[in-house]
Amino acid sequence: MNEATNVLRGILHPDGTLELTERPTLPAGQVEVTIRPVVEPVKGENWLEYLQRTRAKLEASGATFRTKEEIDSDIEEMRDWDSHLDEIRDQIEEARRGERKG
């Protein structure tokens, strides 16, 4: 199966038609199309301003983000799990040492 892909730019018109800026290099036949908006950087905008603007847009669209407390809680859970795994590893090593002596 040919996995060739083309990434092209185009314009989505209000009536739903799509105008491509260039000709695809795929052979004629059925294709799968994914459309996403192109985010153009604002002139004079640095990366922090871009991140802040993008986050504000996402929040306005209803997106939610984890709080610092939620992230810290997840990190603590991972550390607890690591400690638990360390304990299991120590028990296995101790059991192996006991088998070698006995």
PDB file of N, CA and C in Angstrom:
ATOM      1  N   MET A   1       0.839  -1.186   0.000  1.00  0.00           N
ATOM      2  CA  MET A   1       0.000   0.000   0.000  1.00  0.00           C
ATOM      3  C   MET A   1       0.880   1.242   0.000  1.00  0.00           C
ATOM      4  N   ASN A   2       0.599   2.194  -0.855  1.00  0.00           N
ATOM      5  CA  ASN A   2       1.383   3.401  -0.969  1.00  0.00           C
ATOM      6  C   ASN A   2       0.980   4.379   0.135  1.00  0.00           C
ATOM      7  N   GLU A   3       1.930   4.800   0.941  1.00  0.00           N
ATOM      8  CA  GLU A   3       1.655   5.726   2.041  1.00  0.00           C
ATOM      9  C   GLU A   3       2.096   7.142   1.705  1.00  0.00           C
ATOM     10  N   ALA A   4       2.117   7.509   0.425  1.00  0.00           N
ATOM     11  CA  ALA A   4       2.533   8.848   0.015  1.00  0.00           C
ATOM     12  C   ALA A   4       1.555   9.878   0.562  1.00  0.00           C
ATOM     13  N   THR A   5       2.090  11.013   0.975  1.00  0.00           N
ATOM     14  CA  THR A   5       1.238  12.097   1.455  1.00  0.00           C
ATOM     15  C   THR A   5       1.698  13.401   0.837  1.00  0.00           C
ATOM     16  N   ASN A   6       0.803  14.336   0.729  1.00  0.00           N
ATOM     17  CA  ASN A   6       1.095  15.701   0.299  1.00  0.00           C
ATOM     18  C   ASN A   6       0.558  16.633   1.358  1.00  0.00           C
ATOM     19  N   VAL A   7       1.354  17.590   1.764  1.00  0.00           N
ATOM     20  CA  VAL A   7       0.884  18.644   2.649  1.00  0.00           C
ATOM     21  C   VAL A   7       0.821  19.901   1.811  1.00  0.00           C
ATOM     22  N   LEU A   8      -0.382  20.396   1.625  1.00  0.00           N
ATOM     23  CA  LEU A   8      -0.605  21.555   0.774  1.00  0.00           C
ATOM     24  C   LEU A   8      -1.349  22.632   1.545  1.00  0.00           C
ATOM     25  N   ARG A   9      -1.207  23.847   1.114  1.00  0.00           N
ATOM     26  CA  ARG A   9      -1.971  24.946   1.686  1.00  0.00           C
ATOM     27  C   ARG A   9      -3.119  25.271   0.739  1.00  0.00           C
ATOM     28  N   GLY A  10      -4.127  25.882   1.280  1.00  0.00           N
ATOM     29  CA  GLY A  10      -5.263  26.252   0.457  1.00  0.00           C
ATOM     30  C   GLY A  10      -6.150  27.233   1.189  1.00  0.00           C
ATOM     31  N   ILE A  11      -7.284  27.505   0.592  1.00  0.00           N
ATOM     32  CA  ILE A  11      -8.258  28.425   1.171  1.00  0.00           C
ATOM     33  C   ILE A  11      -9.591  27.693   1.248  1.00  0.00           C
ATOM     34  N   LEU A  12     -10.191  27.706   2.436  1.00  0.00           N
ATOM     35  CA  LEU A  12     -11.520  27.133   2.620  1.00  0.00           C
ATOM     36  C   LEU A  12     -12.527  28.269   2.456  1.00  0.00           C
ATOM     37  N   HIS A  13     -13.367  28.155   1.440  1.00  0.00           N
ATOM     38  CA  HIS A  13     -14.351  29.200   1.157  1.00  0.00           C
ATOM     39  C   HIS A  13     -15.606  28.993   2.006  1.00  0.00           C
ATOM     40  N   PRO A  14     -16.383  30.063   2.218  1.00  0.00           N
ATOM     41  CA  PRO A  14     -17.594  29.963   3.039  1.00  0.00           C
ATOM     42  C   PRO A  14     -18.578  28.888   2.570  1.00  0.00           C
ATOM     43  N   ASP A  15     -18.592  28.585   1.276  1.00  0.00           N
ATOM     44  CA  ASP A  15     -19.526  27.576   0.766  1.00  0.00           C
ATOM     45  C   ASP A  15     -19.000  26.146   0.980  1.00  0.00           C
ATOM     46  N   GLY A  16     -17.816  26.021   1.600  1.00  0.00           N
ATOM     47  CA  GLY A  16     -17.268  24.703   1.891  1.00  0.00           C
ATOM     48  C   GLY A  16     -16.308  24.180   0.847  1.00  0.00           C
ATOM     49  N   THR A  17     -16.157  24.895  -0.259  1.00  0.00           N
ATOM     50  CA  THR A  17     -15.198  24.437  -1.264  1.00  0.00           C
ATOM     51  C   THR A  17     -13.784  24.763  -0.811  1.00  0.00           C
ATOM     52  N   LEU A  18     -12.863  23.967  -1.300  1.00  0.00           N
ATOM     53  CA  LEU A  18     -11.455  24.106  -0.923  1.00  0.00           C
ATOM     54  C   LEU A  18     -10.652  24.444  -2.164  1.00  0.00           C
ATOM     55  N   GLU A  19      -9.902  25.515  -2.113  1.00  0.00           N
ATOM     56  CA  GLU A  19      -9.043  25.932  -3.224  1.00  0.00           C
ATOM     57  C   GLU A  19      -7.600  25.680  -2.812  1.00  0.00           C
ATOM     58  N   LEU A  20      -6.903  24.802  -3.535  1.00  0.00           N
ATOM     59  CA  LEU A  20      -5.519  24.480  -3.222  1.00  0.00           C
ATOM     60  C   LEU A  20      -4.584  25.465  -3.895  1.00  0.00           C
ATOM     61  N   THR A  21      -3.467  25.768  -3.225  1.00  0.00           N
ATOM     62  CA  THR A  21      -2.510  26.715  -3.789  1.00  0.00           C
ATOM     63  C   THR A  21      -1.571  26.061  -4.794  1.00  0.00           C
ATOM     64  N   GLU A  22      -1.529  24.730  -4.810  1.00  0.00           N
ATOM     65  CA  GLU A  22      -0.697  24.012  -5.774  1.00  0.00           C
ATOM     66  C   GLU A  22      -1.341  22.672  -6.098  1.00  0.00           C
ATOM     67  N   ARG A  23      -0.855  22.036  -7.124  1.00  0.00           N
ATOM     68  CA  ARG A  23      -1.408  20.763  -7.579  1.00  0.00           C
ATOM     69  C   ARG A  23      -0.795  19.616  -6.764  1.00  0.00           C
ATOM     70  N   PRO A  24      -1.620  18.715  -6.231  1.00  0.00           N
ATOM     71  CA  PRO A  24      -1.082  17.559  -5.490  1.00  0.00           C
ATOM     72  C   PRO A  24      -0.285  16.646  -6.420  1.00  0.00           C
ATOM     73  N   THR A  25       0.680  15.940  -5.851  1.00  0.00           N
ATOM     74  CA  THR A  25       1.496  15.023  -6.650  1.00  0.00           C
ATOM     75  C   THR A  25       1.011  13.584  -6.547  1.00  0.00           C
ATOM     76  N   LEU A  26      -0.140  13.373  -5.945  1.00  0.00           N
ATOM     77  CA  LEU A  26      -0.714  12.030  -5.831  1.00  0.00           C
ATOM     78  C   LEU A  26      -1.471  11.663  -7.100  1.00  0.00           C
ATOM     79  N   PRO A  27      -1.604  10.372  -7.382  1.00  0.00           N
ATOM     80  CA  PRO A  27      -2.398   9.966  -8.537  1.00  0.00           C
ATOM     81  C   PRO A  27      -3.887  10.203  -8.259  1.00  0.00           C
ATOM     82  N   ALA A  28      -4.656  10.307  -9.308  1.00  0.00           N
ATOM     83  CA  ALA A  28      -6.103  10.503  -9.171  1.00  0.00           C
ATOM     84  C   ALA A  28      -6.709   9.318  -8.437  1.00  0.00           C
ATOM     85  N   GLY A  29      -7.724   9.562  -7.662  1.00  0.00           N
ATOM     86  CA  GLY A  29      -8.406   8.523  -6.896  1.00  0.00           C
ATOM     87  C   GLY A  29      -8.880   9.078  -5.566  1.00  0.00           C
ATOM     88  N   GLN A  30      -9.424   8.206  -4.734  1.00  0.00           N
ATOM     89  CA  GLN A  30      -9.926   8.632  -3.435  1.00  0.00           C
ATOM     90  C   GLN A  30      -8.762   9.043  -2.533  1.00  0.00           C
ATOM     91  N   VAL A  31      -8.997  10.069  -1.735  1.00  0.00           N
ATOM     92  CA  VAL A  31      -8.003  10.552  -0.772  1.00  0.00           C
ATOM     93  C   VAL A  31      -8.700  10.862   0.537  1.00  0.00           C
ATOM     94  N   GLU A  32      -7.930  11.005   1.564  1.00  0.00           N
ATOM     95  CA  GLU A  32      -8.442  11.437   2.866  1.00  0.00           C
ATOM     96  C   GLU A  32      -7.914  12.843   3.106  1.00  0.00           C
ATOM     97  N   VAL A  33      -8.789  13.754   3.518  1.00  0.00           N
ATOM     98  CA  VAL A  33      -8.413  15.151   3.684  1.00  0.00           C
ATOM     99  C   VAL A  33      -8.568  15.551   5.141  1.00  0.00           C
ATOM    100  N   THR A  34      -7.533  16.160   5.696  1.00  0.00           N
ATOM    101  CA  THR A  34      -7.579  16.739   7.036  1.00  0.00           C
ATOM    102  C   THR A  34      -7.388  18.237   6.882  1.00  0.00           C
ATOM    103  N   ILE A  35      -8.253  19.014   7.465  1.00  0.00           N
ATOM    104  CA  ILE A  35      -8.161  20.468   7.346  1.00  0.00           C
ATOM    105  C   ILE A  35      -7.942  21.059   8.730  1.00  0.00           C
ATOM    106  N   ARG A  36      -6.982  21.944   8.840  1.00  0.00           N
ATOM    107  CA  ARG A  36      -6.764  22.673  10.085  1.00  0.00           C
ATOM    108  C   ARG A  36      -6.374  24.105   9.740  1.00  0.00           C
ATOM    109  N   PRO A  37      -6.737  25.053  10.571  1.00  0.00           N
ATOM    110  CA  PRO A  37      -6.403  26.444  10.255  1.00  0.00           C
ATOM    111  C   PRO A  37      -4.899  26.673  10.364  1.00  0.00           C
ATOM    112  N   VAL A  38      -4.415  27.549   9.534  1.00  0.00           N
ATOM    113  CA  VAL A  38      -3.006  27.928   9.574  1.00  0.00           C
ATOM    114  C   VAL A  38      -2.892  29.122  10.509  1.00  0.00           C
ATOM    115  N   VAL A  39      -2.069  28.985  11.529  1.00  0.00           N
ATOM    116  CA  VAL A  39      -1.866  30.076  12.478  1.00  0.00           C
ATOM    117  C   VAL A  39      -0.669  30.884  12.007  1.00  0.00           C
ATOM    118  N   GLU A  40      -0.930  32.061  11.555  1.00  0.00           N
ATOM    119  CA  GLU A  40       0.135  32.937  11.087  1.00  0.00           C
ATOM    120  C   GLU A  40       0.670  33.739  12.266  1.00  0.00           C
ATOM    121  N   PRO A  41       1.992  33.790  12.426  1.00  0.00           N
ATOM    122  CA  PRO A  41       2.545  34.590  13.520  1.00  0.00           C
ATOM    123  C   PRO A  41       2.257  36.076  13.299  1.00  0.00           C
ATOM    124  N   VAL A  42       2.022  36.762  14.386  1.00  0.00           N
ATOM    125  CA  VAL A  42       1.793  38.197  14.320  1.00  0.00           C
ATOM    126  C   VAL A  42       3.159  38.872  14.235  1.00  0.00           C
ATOM    127  N   LYS A  43       3.316  39.789  13.294  1.00  0.00           N
ATOM    128  CA  LYS A  43       4.611  40.457  13.123  1.00  0.00           C
ATOM    129  C   LYS A  43       4.995  41.193  14.396  1.00  0.00           C
ATOM    130  N   GLY A  44       6.254  41.030  14.809  1.00  0.00           N
ATOM    131  CA  GLY A  44       6.761  41.697  15.998  1.00  0.00           C
ATOM    132  C   GLY A  44       6.425  40.967  17.286  1.00  0.00           C
ATOM    133  N   GLU A  45       5.764  39.812  17.177  1.00  0.00           N
ATOM    134  CA  GLU A  45       5.361  39.053  18.364  1.00  0.00           C
ATOM    135  C   GLU A  45       6.476  38.080  18.744  1.00  0.00           C
ATOM    136  N   ASN A  46       6.879  38.101  20.022  1.00  0.00           N
ATOM    137  CA  ASN A  46       7.887  37.132  20.465  1.00  0.00           C
ATOM    138  C   ASN A  46       7.192  35.851  20.911  1.00  0.00           C
ATOM    139  N   TRP A  47       7.979  34.840  21.249  1.00  0.00           N
ATOM    140  CA  TRP A  47       7.398  33.523  21.552  1.00  0.00           C
ATOM    141  C   TRP A  47       6.496  33.571  22.776  1.00  0.00           C
ATOM    142  N   LEU A  48       6.817  34.372  23.790  1.00  0.00           N
ATOM    143  CA  LEU A  48       5.968  34.449  24.982  1.00  0.00           C
ATOM    144  C   LEU A  48       4.629  35.092  24.642  1.00  0.00           C
ATOM    145  N   GLU A  49       4.654  36.146  23.857  1.00  0.00           N
ATOM    146  CA  GLU A  49       3.408  36.791  23.440  1.00  0.00           C
ATOM    147  C   GLU A  49       2.553  35.829  22.609  1.00  0.00           C
ATOM    148  N   TYR A  50       3.227  35.047  21.753  1.00  0.00           N
ATOM    149  CA  TYR A  50       2.514  34.045  20.954  1.00  0.00           C
ATOM    150  C   TYR A  50       1.834  33.027  21.867  1.00  0.00           C
ATOM    151  N   LEU A  51       2.576  32.510  22.860  1.00  0.00           N
ATOM    152  CA  LEU A  51       1.999  31.526  23.782  1.00  0.00           C
ATOM    153  C   LEU A  51       0.821  32.118  24.553  1.00  0.00           C
ATOM    154  N   GLN A  52       0.977  33.343  25.026  1.00  0.00           N
ATOM    155  CA  GLN A  52      -0.102  33.985  25.779  1.00  0.00           C
ATOM    156  C   GLN A  52      -1.336  34.191  24.906  1.00  0.00           C
ATOM    157  N   ARG A  53      -1.129  34.627  23.664  1.00  0.00           N
ATOM    158  CA  ARG A  53      -2.245  34.848  22.750  1.00  0.00           C
ATOM    159  C   ARG A  53      -2.934  33.525  22.413  1.00  0.00           C
ATOM    160  N   THR A  54      -2.138  32.502  22.163  1.00  0.00           N
ATOM    161  CA  THR A  54      -2.692  31.199  21.828  1.00  0.00           C
ATOM    162  C   THR A  54      -3.467  30.613  22.994  1.00  0.00           C
ATOM    163  N   ARG A  55      -2.926  30.739  24.200  1.00  0.00           N
ATOM    164  CA  ARG A  55      -3.634  30.224  25.376  1.00  0.00           C
ATOM    165  C   ARG A  55      -4.963  30.962  25.579  1.00  0.00           C
ATOM    166  N   ALA A  56      -4.932  32.273  25.400  1.00  0.00           N
ATOM    167  CA  ALA A  56      -6.164  33.060  25.558  1.00  0.00           C
ATOM    168  C   ALA A  56      -7.226  32.592  24.555  1.00  0.00           C
ATOM    169  N   LYS A  57      -6.807  32.297  23.323  1.00  0.00           N
ATOM    170  CA  LYS A  57      -7.751  31.798  22.315  1.00  0.00           C
ATOM    171  C   LYS A  57      -8.324  30.449  22.728  1.00  0.00           C
ATOM    172  N   LEU A  58      -7.451  29.577  23.225  1.00  0.00           N
ATOM    173  CA  LEU A  58      -7.907  28.258  23.654  1.00  0.00           C
ATOM    174  C   LEU A  58      -8.880  28.363  24.823  1.00  0.00           C
ATOM    175  N   GLU A  59      -8.550  29.209  25.796  1.00  0.00           N
ATOM    176  CA  GLU A  59      -9.444  29.390  26.946  1.00  0.00           C
ATOM    177  C   GLU A  59     -10.791  29.952  26.495  1.00  0.00           C
ATOM    178  N   ALA A  60     -10.763  30.882  25.558  1.00  0.00           N
ATOM    179  CA  ALA A  60     -12.004  31.479  25.056  1.00  0.00           C
ATOM    180  C   ALA A  60     -12.861  30.437  24.341  1.00  0.00           C
ATOM    181  N   SER A  61     -12.214  29.416  23.770  1.00  0.00           N
ATOM    182  CA  SER A  61     -12.973  28.372  23.073  1.00  0.00           C
ATOM    183  C   SER A  61     -13.445  27.278  24.021  1.00  0.00           C
ATOM    184  N   GLY A  62     -13.114  27.411  25.327  1.00  0.00           N
ATOM    185  CA  GLY A  62     -13.594  26.449  26.312  1.00  0.00           C
ATOM    186  C   GLY A  62     -12.566  25.431  26.760  1.00  0.00           C
ATOM    187  N   ALA A  63     -11.345  25.511  26.249  1.00  0.00           N
ATOM    188  CA  ALA A  63     -10.294  24.571  26.660  1.00  0.00           C
ATOM    189  C   ALA A  63      -9.933  24.827  28.121  1.00  0.00           C
ATOM    190  N   THR A  64      -9.602  23.762  28.827  1.00  0.00           N
ATOM    191  CA  THR A  64      -9.179  23.898  30.219  1.00  0.00           C
ATOM    192  C   THR A  64      -7.756  23.377  30.361  1.00  0.00           C
ATOM    193  N   PHE A  65      -7.067  23.861  31.351  1.00  0.00           N
ATOM    194  CA  PHE A  65      -5.685  23.488  31.597  1.00  0.00           C
ATOM    195  C   PHE A  65      -5.540  23.028  33.033  1.00  0.00           C
ATOM    196  N   ARG A  66      -4.570  22.148  33.254  1.00  0.00           N
ATOM    197  CA  ARG A  66      -4.333  21.678  34.620  1.00  0.00           C
ATOM    198  C   ARG A  66      -3.730  22.803  35.454  1.00  0.00           C
ATOM    199  N   THR A  67      -4.105  22.820  36.728  1.00  0.00           N
ATOM    200  CA  THR A  67      -3.556  23.820  37.638  1.00  0.00           C
ATOM    201  C   THR A  67      -2.198  23.353  38.141  1.00  0.00           C
ATOM    202  N   LYS A  68      -1.459  24.253  38.755  1.00  0.00           N
ATOM    203  CA  LYS A  68      -0.166  23.903  39.350  1.00  0.00           C
ATOM    204  C   LYS A  68      -0.357  22.812  40.393  1.00  0.00           C
ATOM    205  N   GLU A  69      -1.433  22.906  41.165  1.00  0.00           N
ATOM    206  CA  GLU A  69      -1.699  21.914  42.200  1.00  0.00           C
ATOM    207  C   GLU A  69      -1.944  20.535  41.593  1.00  0.00           C
ATOM    208  N   GLU A  70      -2.685  20.482  40.493  1.00  0.00           N
ATOM    209  CA  GLU A  70      -2.939  19.206  39.827  1.00  0.00           C
ATOM    210  C   GLU A  70      -1.646  18.596  39.289  1.00  0.00           C
ATOM    211  N   ILE A  71      -0.812  19.427  38.701  1.00  0.00           N
ATOM    212  CA  ILE A  71       0.462  18.946  38.171  1.00  0.00           C
ATOM    213  C   ILE A  71       1.349  18.454  39.304  1.00  0.00           C
ATOM    214  N   ASP A  72       1.442  19.234  40.392  1.00  0.00           N
ATOM    215  CA  ASP A  72       2.253  18.824  41.543  1.00  0.00           C
ATOM    216  C   ASP A  72       1.748  17.510  42.135  1.00  0.00           C
ATOM    217  N   SER A  73       0.435  17.348  42.180  1.00  0.00           N
ATOM    218  CA  SER A  73      -0.151  16.112  42.697  1.00  0.00           C
ATOM    219  C   SER A  73       0.230  14.921  41.820  1.00  0.00           C
ATOM    220  N   ASP A  74       0.176  15.101  40.509  1.00  0.00           N
ATOM    221  CA  ASP A  74       0.559  14.036  39.588  1.00  0.00           C
ATOM    222  C   ASP A  74       2.035  13.673  39.748  1.00  0.00           C
ATOM    223  N   ILE A  75       2.875  14.674  39.914  1.00  0.00           N
ATOM    224  CA  ILE A  75       4.309  14.420  40.105  1.00  0.00           C
ATOM    225  C   ILE A  75       4.536  13.642  41.394  1.00  0.00           C
ATOM    226  N   GLU A  76       3.825  14.016  42.445  1.00  0.00           N
ATOM    227  CA  GLU A  76       3.965  13.310  43.726  1.00  0.00           C
ATOM    228  C   GLU A  76       3.514  11.857  43.600  1.00  0.00           C
ATOM    229  N   GLU A  77       2.420  11.627  42.865  1.00  0.00           N
ATOM    230  CA  GLU A  77       1.965  10.253  42.629  1.00  0.00           C
ATOM    231  C   GLU A  77       3.021   9.433  41.897  1.00  0.00           C
ATOM    232  N   MET A  78       3.670  10.046  40.906  1.00  0.00           N
ATOM    233  CA  MET A  78       4.726   9.350  40.167  1.00  0.00           C
ATOM    234  C   MET A  78       5.906   9.031  41.084  1.00  0.00           C
ATOM    235  N   ARG A  79       6.244   9.958  41.945  1.00  0.00           N
ATOM    236  CA  ARG A  79       7.347   9.714  42.886  1.00  0.00           C
ATOM    237  C   ARG A  79       6.991   8.590  43.857  1.00  0.00           C
ATOM    238  N   ASP A  80       5.743   8.590  44.335  1.00  0.00           N
ATOM    239  CA  ASP A  80       5.296   7.515  45.222  1.00  0.00           C
ATOM    240  C   ASP A  80       5.370   6.172  44.506  1.00  0.00           C
ATOM    241  N   TRP A  81       4.959   6.148  43.239  1.00  0.00           N
ATOM    242  CA  TRP A  81       5.001   4.913  42.461  1.00  0.00           C
ATOM    243  C   TRP A  81       6.452   4.465  42.276  1.00  0.00           C
ATOM    244  N   ASP A  82       7.358   5.411  42.015  1.00  0.00           N
ATOM    245  CA  ASP A  82       8.777   5.078  41.885  1.00  0.00           C
ATOM    246  C   ASP A  82       9.300   4.463  43.178  1.00  0.00           C
ATOM    247  N   SER A  83       8.913   5.033  44.316  1.00  0.00           N
ATOM    248  CA  SER A  83       9.344   4.486  45.608  1.00  0.00           C
ATOM    249  C   SER A  83       8.813   3.075  45.796  1.00  0.00           C
ATOM    250  N   HIS A  84       7.581   2.869  45.404  1.00  0.00           N
ATOM    251  CA  HIS A  84       6.963   1.544  45.501  1.00  0.00           C
ATOM    252  C   HIS A  84       7.731   0.542  44.637  1.00  0.00           C
ATOM    253  N   LEU A  85       8.074   0.940  43.422  1.00  0.00           N
ATOM    254  CA  LEU A  85       8.842   0.058  42.541  1.00  0.00           C
ATOM    255  C   LEU A  85      10.228  -0.229  43.116  1.00  0.00           C
ATOM    256  N   ASP A  86      10.846   0.783  43.736  1.00  0.00           N
ATOM    257  CA  ASP A  86      12.151   0.574  44.385  1.00  0.00           C
ATOM    258  C   ASP A  86      12.040  -0.464  45.497  1.00  0.00           C
ATOM    259  N   GLU A  87      10.963  -0.396  46.281  1.00  0.00           N
ATOM    260  CA  GLU A  87      10.752  -1.369  47.352  1.00  0.00           C
ATOM    261  C   GLU A  87      10.598  -2.784  46.780  1.00  0.00           C
ATOM    262  N   ILE A  88       9.840  -2.918  45.730  1.00  0.00           N
ATOM    263  CA  ILE A  88       9.645  -4.232  45.100  1.00  0.00           C
ATOM    264  C   ILE A  88      10.975  -4.761  44.579  1.00  0.00           C
ATOM    265  N   ARG A  89      11.750  -3.903  43.920  1.00  0.00           N
ATOM    266  CA  ARG A  89      13.050  -4.322  43.402  1.00  0.00           C
ATOM    267  C   ARG A  89      13.959  -4.789  44.544  1.00  0.00           C
ATOM    268  N   ASP A  90      13.959  -4.040  45.649  1.00  0.00           N
ATOM    269  CA  ASP A  90      14.775  -4.425  46.815  1.00  0.00           C
ATOM    270  C   ASP A  90      14.342  -5.777  47.369  1.00  0.00           C
ATOM    271  N   GLN A  91      13.027  -6.031  47.414  1.00  0.00           N
ATOM    272  CA  GLN A  91      12.525  -7.313  47.912  1.00  0.00           C
ATOM    273  C   GLN A  91      12.956  -8.455  46.999  1.00  0.00           C
ATOM    274  N   ILE A  92      12.908  -8.222  45.705  1.00  0.00           N
ATOM    275  CA  ILE A  92      13.326  -9.262  44.746  1.00  0.00           C
ATOM    276  C   ILE A  92      14.815  -9.544  44.905  1.00  0.00           C
ATOM    277  N   GLU A  93      15.609  -8.503  45.016  1.00  0.00           N
ATOM    278  CA  GLU A  93      17.058  -8.694  45.174  1.00  0.00           C
ATOM    279  C   GLU A  93      17.370  -9.428  46.479  1.00  0.00           C
ATOM    280  N   GLU A  94      16.658  -9.083  47.538  1.00  0.00           N
ATOM    281  CA  GLU A  94      16.862  -9.753  48.828  1.00  0.00           C
ATOM    282  C   GLU A  94      16.499 -11.230  48.727  1.00  0.00           C
ATOM    283  N   ALA A  95      15.393 -11.523  48.042  1.00  0.00           N
ATOM    284  CA  ALA A  95      14.980 -12.915  47.871  1.00  0.00           C
ATOM    285  C   ALA A  95      16.012 -13.687  47.049  1.00  0.00           C
ATOM    286  N   ARG A  96      16.578 -13.071  46.039  1.00  0.00           N
ATOM    287  CA  ARG A  96      17.603 -13.734  45.225  1.00  0.00           C
ATOM    288  C   ARG A  96      18.862 -14.016  46.049  1.00  0.00           C
ATOM    289  N   ARG A  97      19.243 -13.062  46.894  1.00  0.00           N
ATOM    290  CA  ARG A  97      20.416 -13.291  47.749  1.00  0.00           C
ATOM    291  C   ARG A  97      20.166 -14.442  48.717  1.00  0.00           C
ATOM    292  N   GLY A  98      18.931 -14.527  49.231  1.00  0.00           N
ATOM    293  CA  GLY A  98      18.574 -15.609  50.137  1.00  0.00           C
ATOM    294  C   GLY A  98      18.613 -16.952  49.449  1.00  0.00           C
ATOM    295  N   GLU A  99      18.206 -17.014  48.193  1.00  0.00           N
ATOM    296  CA  GLU A  99      18.227 -18.269  47.441  1.00  0.00           C
ATOM    297  C   GLU A  99      19.668 -18.717  47.190  1.00  0.00           C
ATOM    298  N   ARG A 100      20.560 -17.782  46.941  1.00  0.00           N
ATOM    299  CA  ARG A 100      21.961 -18.133  46.676  1.00  0.00           C
ATOM    300  C   ARG A 100      22.642 -18.687  47.927  1.00  0.00           C
ATOM    301  N   LYS A 101      22.278 -18.149  49.103  1.00  0.00           N
ATOM    302  CA  LYS A 101      22.894 -18.598  50.362  1.00  0.00           C
ATOM    303  C   LYS A 101      22.327 -19.950  50.773  1.00  0.00           C
ATOM    304  N   GLY A 102      21.058 -20.149  50.502  1.00  0.00           N
ATOM    305  CA  GLY A 102      20.353 -21.334  51.008  1.00  0.00           C
ATOM    306  C   GLY A 102      20.433 -22.462  50.092  1.00  0.00           C
TER     307      GLY A 102
END
